[in-house]
Amino acid sequence: MSKTFASLSPRRAVLAVGGEERQTFLHGLFSCATKSLTSGHGTWGALLTAQGKFLHDAFIIACDEVFLLDVEADRLDDLLTRLKRYRLRSKVTLEPRSDLLVAVAWGDDIPALPATPGQALAVAYGWALRDPRLPSAGWRLMLPTTSALSALPDLEPVPLARWDAHRIALGLPDGSRDLEIESATLLEHGFAELNGVDFKKGCFVGQEVTARMRYRGLTKKRLMPVTITGPLPAPGTILRTADGADAGEIRSLCLNPAVVADTAPQGLALMRLAALDAGPLLADGATIQPHRLDWMVFPVEKS
């Protein structure tokens, strides 16, 4: 696999969280652990409603005296509003970093970039985090806006659609493109296996509901890569079994067929587990084939 590089600046932004109480502040809010996160390390998790429903995801890097958060660009204002509500009198600062953009790299190991998932390094006046979800997911990069494309010359610039094709094949969600706001739960979208939930850290917003779903085997749906034969259905299209039963919903897609192999998944769908063995699935004239990936652990319902 060749070294590749894709700018994610249209979709992602950087938020700096500083102040002496930044670790405990984020630790009590996000599903991942930040309280013991030391400089040069990072994690991934989500901010939830009190009912355990998705609001925002974030890659979080501890670097020197600040945490840098890789978040959805078009929802940054909403995240800031919510964090300010929780801040109260906490000694915490919140500052959007427009001088940094988010990019992603994947492929062969690159000596200048960290080798261990969750490890972060200062590079090219920015930071690189080895994606804590899967080693094959590569690296999350925060690079200077003015020089990002030339900051790491060993990487080959490629269209953003190439990244979509890669992450879809790995079954990785992309924020609110795949998790419906105030509706989706983390376990439906692989956060447990992808190191996005720390069940040992204690309380976080939505923790009780998330833990109950895990220990009682209450997850009934699962985000999965799908191969689509026929016209691409729009995100949100309902999947149906041959007898018309609801089987799930299309979420994000790779919309550029030139970067997807004939047999590769073209999208992600939130599948009803009960429908996985129901035979061919249909969506607006297309046939949908879900793919179970090795890293996925399906729940066993408990009485």
Protein backbone atom coordinates (compact mmCIF):
# COMPACT_ATOMS: atom_id res chain seq x y z
CA MET A 1 0.00 0.00 0.00
CA SER A 2 1.47 3.34 -0.99
CA LYS A 3 1.74 6.30 1.33
CA THR A 4 -1.21 8.64 0.89
CA PHE A 5 -2.45 11.94 2.18
CA ALA A 6 -5.87 13.63 2.10
CA SER A 7 -6.90 17.00 3.49
CA LEU A 8 -10.00 16.85 5.71
CA SER A 9 -10.24 20.60 6.21
CA PRO A 10 -13.79 20.90 4.77
CA ARG A 11 -15.15 18.49 7.39
CA ARG A 12 -12.97 18.80 10.48
CA ALA A 13 -11.64 21.62 12.66
CA VAL A 14 -9.34 21.99 15.68
CA LEU A 15 -10.46 23.17 19.11
CA ALA A 16 -7.91 23.85 21.87
CA VAL A 17 -8.97 23.13 25.45
CA GLY A 18 -6.57 24.67 27.98
CA GLY A 19 -6.47 25.59 31.63
CA GLU A 20 -5.36 23.71 34.71
CA GLU A 21 -8.61 21.73 34.99
CA ARG A 22 -8.78 20.69 31.31
CA GLN A 23 -8.12 16.99 32.01
CA THR A 24 -10.86 16.49 34.59
CA PHE A 25 -13.24 18.71 32.59
CA LEU A 26 -13.05 16.56 29.45
CA HIS A 27 -12.80 13.34 31.46
CA GLY A 28 -16.21 13.93 33.01
CA LEU A 29 -17.85 14.69 29.67
CA PHE A 30 -16.45 12.43 26.96
CA SER A 31 -16.74 8.64 26.73
CA CYS A 32 -12.94 8.26 26.54
CA ALA A 33 -10.46 8.77 29.38
CA THR A 34 -8.44 12.01 29.51
CA LYS A 35 -7.68 12.32 33.22
CA SER A 36 -4.39 10.42 32.96
CA LEU A 37 -3.59 11.35 29.35
CA THR A 38 -0.03 12.69 29.16
CA SER A 39 1.60 14.83 26.49
CA GLY A 40 2.34 12.79 23.38
CA HIS A 41 -0.74 10.61 23.65
CA GLY A 42 -4.26 10.78 22.27
CA THR A 43 -7.65 9.13 22.31
CA TRP A 44 -11.04 9.16 20.61
CA GLY A 45 -14.48 9.39 22.11
CA ALA A 46 -17.85 11.10 22.08
CA LEU A 47 -19.95 13.62 23.93
CA LEU A 48 -23.44 12.25 24.63
CA THR A 49 -26.76 13.42 25.94
CA ALA A 50 -27.74 12.34 29.45
CA GLN A 51 -29.80 9.62 27.73
CA GLY A 52 -26.67 8.19 26.09
CA LYS A 53 -27.36 9.56 22.60
CA PHE A 54 -24.65 10.92 20.28
CA LEU A 55 -23.84 14.62 20.08
CA HIS A 56 -20.19 14.98 18.95
CA ASP A 57 -17.11 12.83 18.41
CA ALA A 58 -13.54 14.05 18.94
CA PHE A 59 -9.96 12.87 18.53
CA ILE A 60 -8.15 14.33 21.55
CA ILE A 61 -4.39 14.92 21.65
CA ALA A 62 -2.57 15.90 24.85
CA CYS A 63 0.21 18.25 23.80
CA ASP A 64 2.22 20.36 26.22
CA GLU A 65 -0.19 22.65 28.13
CA VAL A 66 -3.31 22.10 26.04
CA PHE A 67 -5.58 19.45 24.58
CA LEU A 68 -6.20 19.69 20.84
CA LEU A 69 -9.54 18.28 19.66
CA ASP A 70 -10.19 17.19 16.07
CA VAL A 71 -13.94 17.78 15.66
CA GLU A 72 -16.58 18.33 12.99
CA ALA A 73 -16.04 21.75 11.40
CA ASP A 74 -19.64 22.63 10.61
CA ARG A 75 -20.75 21.72 14.14
CA LEU A 76 -17.94 23.45 16.05
CA ASP A 77 -20.20 26.27 17.27
CA ASP A 78 -22.67 23.76 18.69
CA LEU A 79 -19.88 21.91 20.51
CA LEU A 80 -18.52 25.18 21.94
CA THR A 81 -21.99 26.12 23.20
CA ARG A 82 -22.40 22.79 24.96
CA LEU A 83 -18.91 22.84 26.50
CA LYS A 84 -19.46 26.38 27.81
CA ARG A 85 -22.63 25.20 29.55
CA TYR A 86 -20.65 22.53 31.38
CA ARG A 87 -17.65 24.74 32.11
CA LEU A 88 -19.33 26.85 34.83
CA ARG A 89 -16.44 27.96 37.09
CA SER A 90 -13.96 25.35 35.90
CA LYS A 91 -10.50 26.71 35.09
CA VAL A 92 -10.78 25.83 31.42
CA THR A 93 -10.27 27.79 28.20
CA LEU A 94 -11.87 27.00 24.83
CA GLU A 95 -10.23 28.35 21.66
CA PRO A 96 -10.88 27.37 18.03
CA ARG A 97 -7.56 26.98 16.20
CA SER A 98 -8.10 28.23 12.66
CA ASP A 99 -4.31 28.17 12.16
CA LEU A 100 -4.46 24.36 12.08
CA LEU A 101 -6.31 22.07 9.69
CA VAL A 102 -7.03 18.38 10.02
CA ALA A 103 -5.72 15.83 7.55
CA VAL A 104 -5.33 12.07 7.50
CA ALA A 105 -2.58 9.77 6.25
CA TRP A 106 -2.59 6.01 5.79
CA GLY A 107 -0.61 3.27 4.11
CA ASP A 108 2.95 2.13 4.78
CA ASP A 109 4.54 3.01 8.12
CA ILE A 110 6.18 6.41 7.92
CA PRO A 111 9.23 6.91 10.20
CA ALA A 112 8.34 10.56 10.90
CA LEU A 113 4.92 9.57 12.25
CA PRO A 114 4.07 7.67 15.48
CA ALA A 115 3.97 3.87 15.26
CA THR A 116 1.71 2.93 18.18
CA PRO A 117 -2.06 3.55 18.20
CA GLY A 118 -2.80 6.42 20.56
CA GLN A 119 0.74 7.82 20.33
CA ALA A 120 1.16 11.45 19.23
CA LEU A 121 4.21 13.36 17.99
CA ALA A 122 4.94 16.97 17.18
CA VAL A 123 5.57 17.16 13.42
CA ALA A 124 5.95 20.00 10.91
CA TYR A 125 4.74 22.66 13.39
CA GLY A 126 1.68 20.54 14.11
CA TRP A 127 0.80 17.16 15.59
CA ALA A 128 0.31 13.60 14.33
CA LEU A 129 -1.79 11.02 16.20
CA ARG A 130 -1.71 7.34 15.32
CA ASP A 131 -5.41 6.61 15.00
CA PRO A 132 -6.45 4.92 18.26
CA ARG A 133 -9.27 2.99 16.57
CA LEU A 134 -7.43 0.61 14.21
CA PRO A 135 -3.75 0.53 13.11
CA SER A 136 -4.86 0.37 9.47
CA ALA A 137 -6.74 3.67 9.92
CA GLY A 138 -3.37 5.46 9.81
CA TRP A 139 -2.83 8.89 11.33
CA ARG A 140 -4.82 12.00 12.22
CA LEU A 141 -2.79 15.12 11.45
CA MET A 142 -3.15 18.68 12.68
CA LEU A 143 -0.98 20.81 10.40
CA PRO A 144 -0.44 24.54 9.80
CA THR A 145 -3.13 25.88 7.49
CA THR A 146 -0.59 27.86 5.47
CA SER A 147 1.76 24.96 4.75
CA ALA A 148 -0.15 21.72 5.25
CA LEU A 149 0.32 20.32 1.76
CA SER A 150 4.10 20.75 1.93
CA ALA A 151 4.57 19.97 5.62
CA LEU A 152 5.22 16.24 5.11
CA PRO A 153 6.74 15.78 1.62
CA ASP A 154 6.87 11.96 1.93
CA LEU A 155 3.08 11.82 1.67
CA GLU A 156 1.21 11.80 -1.62
CA PRO A 157 -1.78 14.17 -1.82
CA VAL A 158 -4.95 12.34 -2.92
CA PRO A 159 -8.64 13.26 -3.23
CA LEU A 160 -10.74 13.16 -0.09
CA ALA A 161 -12.88 10.45 -1.71
CA ARG A 162 -9.94 8.06 -1.37
CA TRP A 163 -10.10 8.46 2.40
CA ASP A 164 -13.84 7.86 2.36
CA ALA A 165 -13.32 4.62 0.45
CA HIS A 166 -10.61 3.51 2.91
CA ARG A 167 -12.50 4.29 6.13
CA ILE A 168 -15.74 2.78 4.77
CA ALA A 169 -13.94 -0.47 3.99
CA LEU A 170 -12.68 -0.46 7.60
CA GLY A 171 -16.17 0.22 8.96
CA LEU A 172 -15.16 3.51 10.62
CA PRO A 173 -17.89 6.09 11.33
CA ASP A 174 -17.44 9.74 10.34
CA GLY A 175 -19.17 11.82 12.99
CA SER A 176 -22.73 12.90 12.28
CA ARG A 177 -22.56 11.57 8.73
CA ASP A 178 -22.92 8.13 10.32
CA LEU A 179 -24.28 8.80 13.82
CA GLU A 180 -27.63 10.53 13.90
CA ILE A 181 -27.51 13.42 16.36
CA GLU A 182 -29.47 12.84 19.59
CA SER A 183 -30.50 9.39 18.35
CA ALA A 184 -27.46 7.14 17.74
CA THR A 185 -25.82 5.13 20.50
CA LEU A 186 -22.11 4.38 20.68
CA LEU A 187 -22.36 0.60 20.81
CA GLU A 188 -24.34 0.54 17.56
CA HIS A 189 -21.39 2.23 15.87
CA GLY A 190 -18.45 0.20 17.15
CA PHE A 191 -17.13 2.59 19.80
CA ALA A 192 -16.52 -0.25 22.28
CA GLU A 193 -14.25 -2.24 19.95
CA LEU A 194 -12.67 0.91 18.46
CA ASN A 195 -11.45 2.18 21.84
CA GLY A 196 -13.98 5.00 21.94
CA VAL A 197 -15.51 4.08 25.32
CA ASP A 198 -13.64 3.54 28.58
CA PHE A 199 -15.93 1.45 30.77
CA LYS A 200 -13.48 1.62 33.70
CA LYS A 201 -13.14 5.41 33.97
CA GLY A 202 -16.25 6.04 35.99
CA CYS A 203 -18.95 8.55 35.20
CA PHE A 204 -19.32 10.55 32.00
CA VAL A 205 -22.41 12.09 30.46
CA GLY A 206 -24.59 9.21 29.21
CA GLN A 207 -22.41 6.58 30.91
CA GLU A 208 -25.23 4.77 32.73
CA VAL A 209 -27.26 4.11 29.58
CA THR A 210 -24.18 3.11 27.57
CA ALA A 211 -23.04 0.65 30.24
CA ARG A 212 -26.54 -0.84 30.56
CA MET A 213 -26.69 -1.47 26.81
CA ARG A 214 -23.37 -3.27 26.96
CA TYR A 215 -23.98 -5.48 29.97
CA ARG A 216 -27.55 -6.39 29.06
CA GLY A 217 -26.86 -7.00 25.36
CA LEU A 218 -29.43 -4.42 24.28
CA THR A 219 -27.81 -3.40 20.99
CA LYS A 220 -30.18 -4.25 18.12
CA LYS A 221 -28.41 -2.44 15.25
CA ARG A 222 -24.88 -2.19 13.89
CA LEU A 223 -23.06 0.16 11.52
CA MET A 224 -21.48 -1.99 8.80
CA PRO A 225 -19.82 -1.57 5.39
CA VAL A 226 -22.10 -2.44 2.49
CA THR A 227 -21.56 -3.23 -1.16
CA ILE A 228 -24.20 -1.67 -3.39
CA THR A 229 -25.27 -3.17 -6.71
CA GLY A 230 -27.23 -0.68 -8.78
CA PRO A 231 -27.74 3.07 -8.31
CA LEU A 232 -26.36 4.52 -5.09
CA PRO A 233 -29.23 5.27 -2.70
CA ALA A 234 -29.13 8.58 -0.85
CA PRO A 235 -28.02 8.69 2.79
CA GLY A 236 -31.05 8.05 4.95
CA THR A 237 -32.63 5.59 2.52
CA ILE A 238 -34.35 2.73 4.35
CA LEU A 239 -33.17 -0.82 3.62
CA ARG A 240 -35.80 -3.50 3.28
CA THR A 241 -35.86 -7.27 3.14
CA ALA A 242 -37.47 -9.06 0.18
CA ASP A 243 -40.79 -9.14 2.08
CA GLY A 244 -40.66 -5.39 2.80
CA ALA A 245 -39.52 -5.44 6.43
CA ASP A 246 -37.32 -2.58 7.69
CA ALA A 247 -33.70 -3.81 7.68
CA GLY A 248 -31.76 -0.61 8.40
CA GLU A 249 -30.67 2.68 6.88
CA ILE A 250 -27.95 3.92 4.53
CA ARG A 251 -25.57 6.36 6.23
CA SER A 252 -22.39 7.78 4.58
CA LEU A 253 -21.26 6.90 1.05
CA CYS A 254 -18.19 7.13 -1.14
CA LEU A 255 -19.68 9.15 -3.98
CA ASN A 256 -16.76 8.85 -6.42
CA PRO A 257 -16.94 5.42 -8.15
CA ALA A 258 -13.51 5.94 -9.72
CA VAL A 259 -11.78 5.37 -6.35
CA VAL A 260 -13.75 2.27 -5.33
CA ALA A 261 -12.89 -1.22 -6.58
CA ASP A 262 -15.74 -3.25 -8.11
CA THR A 263 -15.98 -5.54 -5.08
CA ALA A 264 -15.30 -2.93 -2.37
CA PRO A 265 -17.95 -1.50 -0.02
CA GLN A 266 -19.31 1.81 -1.23
CA GLY A 267 -21.04 2.89 1.93
CA LEU A 268 -21.95 2.32 5.56
CA ALA A 269 -25.39 1.28 6.71
CA LEU A 270 -26.93 1.00 10.16
CA MET A 271 -28.19 -2.58 9.97
CA ARG A 272 -30.82 -4.27 12.08
CA LEU A 273 -29.05 -7.35 13.42
CA ALA A 274 -32.21 -9.43 13.02
CA ALA A 275 -32.11 -8.77 9.27
CA LEU A 276 -28.48 -9.73 8.60
CA ASP A 277 -29.41 -13.27 7.59
CA ALA A 278 -32.67 -12.34 5.86
CA GLY A 279 -31.27 -12.66 2.33
CA PRO A 280 -30.93 -9.87 -0.26
CA LEU A 281 -31.62 -6.37 1.02
CA LEU A 282 -33.07 -3.64 -1.18
CA ALA A 283 -32.86 0.16 -1.22
CA ASP A 284 -34.43 2.27 -3.99
CA GLY A 285 -33.72 -0.26 -6.73
CA ALA A 286 -30.27 -1.23 -5.45
CA THR A 287 -29.24 -4.51 -3.84
CA ILE A 288 -27.32 -4.16 -0.56
CA GLN A 289 -24.80 -6.66 0.81
CA PRO A 290 -23.50 -6.01 4.37
CA HIS A 291 -20.00 -7.11 5.44
CA ARG A 292 -19.11 -8.37 8.91
CA LEU A 293 -15.56 -7.31 9.77
CA ASP A 294 -13.13 -9.24 11.97
CA TRP A 295 -12.89 -6.50 14.60
CA MET A 296 -16.65 -6.35 15.14
CA VAL A 297 -18.10 -8.10 18.19
CA PHE A 298 -21.81 -8.73 17.96
CA PRO A 299 -23.86 -8.70 21.17
CA VAL A 300 -25.27 -11.79 22.81
CA GLU A 301 -28.65 -10.90 24.26
CA LYS A 302 -28.90 -11.55 27.98
CA SER A 303 -32.09 -12.37 29.83
